[in-house]
């Protein structure tokens, strides 16, 4: 998962995780919040599509590199 697909989840360090084990009342839980449900939905959808776009760019780049290594001299031409 990348940054875009996990933006609605709380991220923790090792020490924060250790502290949460002892946090019986759940007072250390801090989540990303939005002013309205509509705003939360907007940002979730926005980040989902950014992640999809990044995945497409990554695959296209990998495929381009694979084709270049195969010796296809026509890649990127006309």
C-alpha atoms as a PDB file:
ATOM      1  CA  UNK A   1       0.000   0.000   0.000  1.00  0.00           C
ATOM      2  CA  UNK A   2       1.160   3.460  -0.682  1.00  0.00           C
ATOM      3  CA  UNK A   3       0.546   6.773   1.048  1.00  0.00           C
ATOM      4  CA  UNK A   4      -2.629   7.491  -0.934  1.00  0.00           C
ATOM      5  CA  UNK A   5      -4.383   4.252  -0.105  1.00  0.00           C
ATOM      6  CA  UNK A   6      -3.743   4.474   3.633  1.00  0.00           C
ATOM      7  CA  UNK A   7      -4.527   8.145   4.282  1.00  0.00           C
ATOM      8  CA  UNK A   8      -7.625   7.398   6.359  1.00  0.00           C
ATOM      9  CA  UNK A   9      -5.807   5.130   8.800  1.00  0.00           C
ATOM     10  CA  UNK A  10      -3.797   6.139  11.826  1.00  0.00           C
ATOM     11  CA  UNK A  11      -0.099   5.505  11.318  1.00  0.00           C
ATOM     12  CA  UNK A  12       2.019   4.526  14.290  1.00  0.00           C
ATOM     13  CA  UNK A  13       5.635   3.986  15.184  1.00  0.00           C
ATOM     14  CA  UNK A  14       6.933   0.991  17.109  1.00  0.00           C
ATOM     15  CA  UNK A  15       6.889   2.917  20.394  1.00  0.00           C
ATOM     16  CA  UNK A  16       3.349   4.168  19.786  1.00  0.00           C
ATOM     17  CA  UNK A  17       2.281   0.595  19.104  1.00  0.00           C
ATOM     18  CA  UNK A  18       3.892  -0.517  22.328  1.00  0.00           C
ATOM     19  CA  UNK A  19       2.124   2.279  24.228  1.00  0.00           C
ATOM     20  CA  UNK A  20      -1.222   1.244  22.705  1.00  0.00           C
ATOM     21  CA  UNK A  21      -0.839  -2.207  24.248  1.00  0.00           C
ATOM     22  CA  UNK A  22      -0.973  -0.526  27.661  1.00  0.00           C
ATOM     23  CA  UNK A  23      -3.680   1.986  26.667  1.00  0.00           C
ATOM     24  CA  UNK A  24      -6.722   0.158  28.025  1.00  0.00           C
ATOM     25  CA  UNK A  25      -9.131   3.071  27.499  1.00  0.00           C
ATOM     26  CA  UNK A  26      -8.103   3.754  23.903  1.00  0.00           C
ATOM     27  CA  UNK A  27      -7.090   7.334  24.672  1.00  0.00           C
ATOM     28  CA  UNK A  28      -4.129   7.261  22.258  1.00  0.00           C
ATOM     29  CA  UNK A  29      -6.247   6.559  19.162  1.00  0.00           C
ATOM     30  CA  UNK A  30      -6.135   9.565  16.854  1.00  0.00           C
ATOM     31  CA  UNK A  31      -7.619   9.253  13.384  1.00  0.00           C
ATOM     32  CA  UNK A  32      -7.730  11.542  10.412  1.00  0.00           C
ATOM     33  CA  UNK A  33     -10.930  13.549  10.633  1.00  0.00           C
ATOM     34  CA  UNK A  34     -13.066  15.586   8.266  1.00  0.00           C
ATOM     35  CA  UNK A  35     -15.577  18.319   8.929  1.00  0.00           C
ATOM     36  CA  UNK A  36     -18.378  16.465   7.136  1.00  0.00           C
ATOM     37  CA  UNK A  37     -19.107  13.000   5.761  1.00  0.00           C
ATOM     38  CA  UNK A  38     -19.180  14.517   2.276  1.00  0.00           C
ATOM     39  CA  UNK A  39     -15.660  15.901   2.736  1.00  0.00           C
ATOM     40  CA  UNK A  40     -14.417  12.537   4.044  1.00  0.00           C
ATOM     41  CA  UNK A  41     -15.969  10.783   1.029  1.00  0.00           C
ATOM     42  CA  UNK A  42     -14.410  13.312  -1.343  1.00  0.00           C
ATOM     43  CA  UNK A  43     -10.914  12.819   0.052  1.00  0.00           C
ATOM     44  CA  UNK A  44     -11.272   9.043   0.175  1.00  0.00           C
ATOM     45  CA  UNK A  45     -12.374   8.934  -3.472  1.00  0.00           C
ATOM     46  CA  UNK A  46      -9.719  11.451  -4.501  1.00  0.00           C
ATOM     47  CA  UNK A  47      -6.961   9.404  -2.867  1.00  0.00           C
ATOM     48  CA  UNK A  48      -8.320   6.158  -4.316  1.00  0.00           C
ATOM     49  CA  UNK A  49      -8.078   7.566  -7.856  1.00  0.00           C
ATOM     50  CA  UNK A  50      -4.627   9.019  -7.185  1.00  0.00           C
ATOM     51  CA  UNK A  51      -3.519   5.538  -6.099  1.00  0.00           C
ATOM     52  CA  UNK A  52      -5.036   4.010  -9.255  1.00  0.00           C
ATOM     53  CA  UNK A  53      -3.238   6.599 -11.393  1.00  0.00           C
ATOM     54  CA  UNK A  54       0.050   5.889  -9.633  1.00  0.00           C
ATOM     55  CA  UNK A  55      -0.417   2.157 -10.167  1.00  0.00           C
ATOM     56  CA  UNK A  56      -1.009   2.741 -13.893  1.00  0.00           C
ATOM     57  CA  UNK A  57       2.096   4.947 -14.124  1.00  0.00           C
ATOM     58  CA  UNK A  58       4.169   2.317 -12.291  1.00  0.00           C
ATOM     59  CA  UNK A  59       3.020  -0.509 -14.574  1.00  0.00           C
ATOM     60  CA  UNK A  60       3.535   1.597 -17.707  1.00  0.00           C
ATOM     61  CA  UNK A  61       7.055   2.479 -16.588  1.00  0.00           C
ATOM     62  CA  UNK A  62       7.885  -1.153 -15.782  1.00  0.00           C
ATOM     63  CA  UNK A  63       6.528  -2.300 -19.133  1.00  0.00           C
ATOM     64  CA  UNK A  64       8.472   0.409 -20.942  1.00  0.00           C
ATOM     65  CA  UNK A  65      11.682  -0.680 -19.197  1.00  0.00           C
ATOM     66  CA  UNK A  66      10.965  -4.336 -20.002  1.00  0.00           C
ATOM     67  CA  UNK A  67      10.490  -3.525 -23.684  1.00  0.00           C
ATOM     68  CA  UNK A  68      13.683  -1.472 -23.767  1.00  0.00           C
ATOM     69  CA  UNK A  69      15.642  -4.365 -22.298  1.00  0.00           C
ATOM     70  CA  UNK A  70      14.224  -6.714 -24.922  1.00  0.00           C
ATOM     71  CA  UNK A  71      15.933  -4.556 -27.531  1.00  0.00           C
ATOM     72  CA  UNK A  72      12.785  -3.188 -29.182  1.00  0.00           C
ATOM     73  CA  UNK A  73      14.154  -0.099 -30.909  1.00  0.00           C
ATOM     74  CA  UNK A  74      10.680   1.138 -31.823  1.00  0.00           C
ATOM     75  CA  UNK A  75       9.547   1.952 -28.311  1.00  0.00           C
ATOM     76  CA  UNK A  76       8.454   5.566 -28.071  1.00  0.00           C
ATOM     77  CA  UNK A  77       8.674   6.192 -31.813  1.00  0.00           C
ATOM     78  CA  UNK A  78       5.801   7.175 -34.073  1.00  0.00           C
END
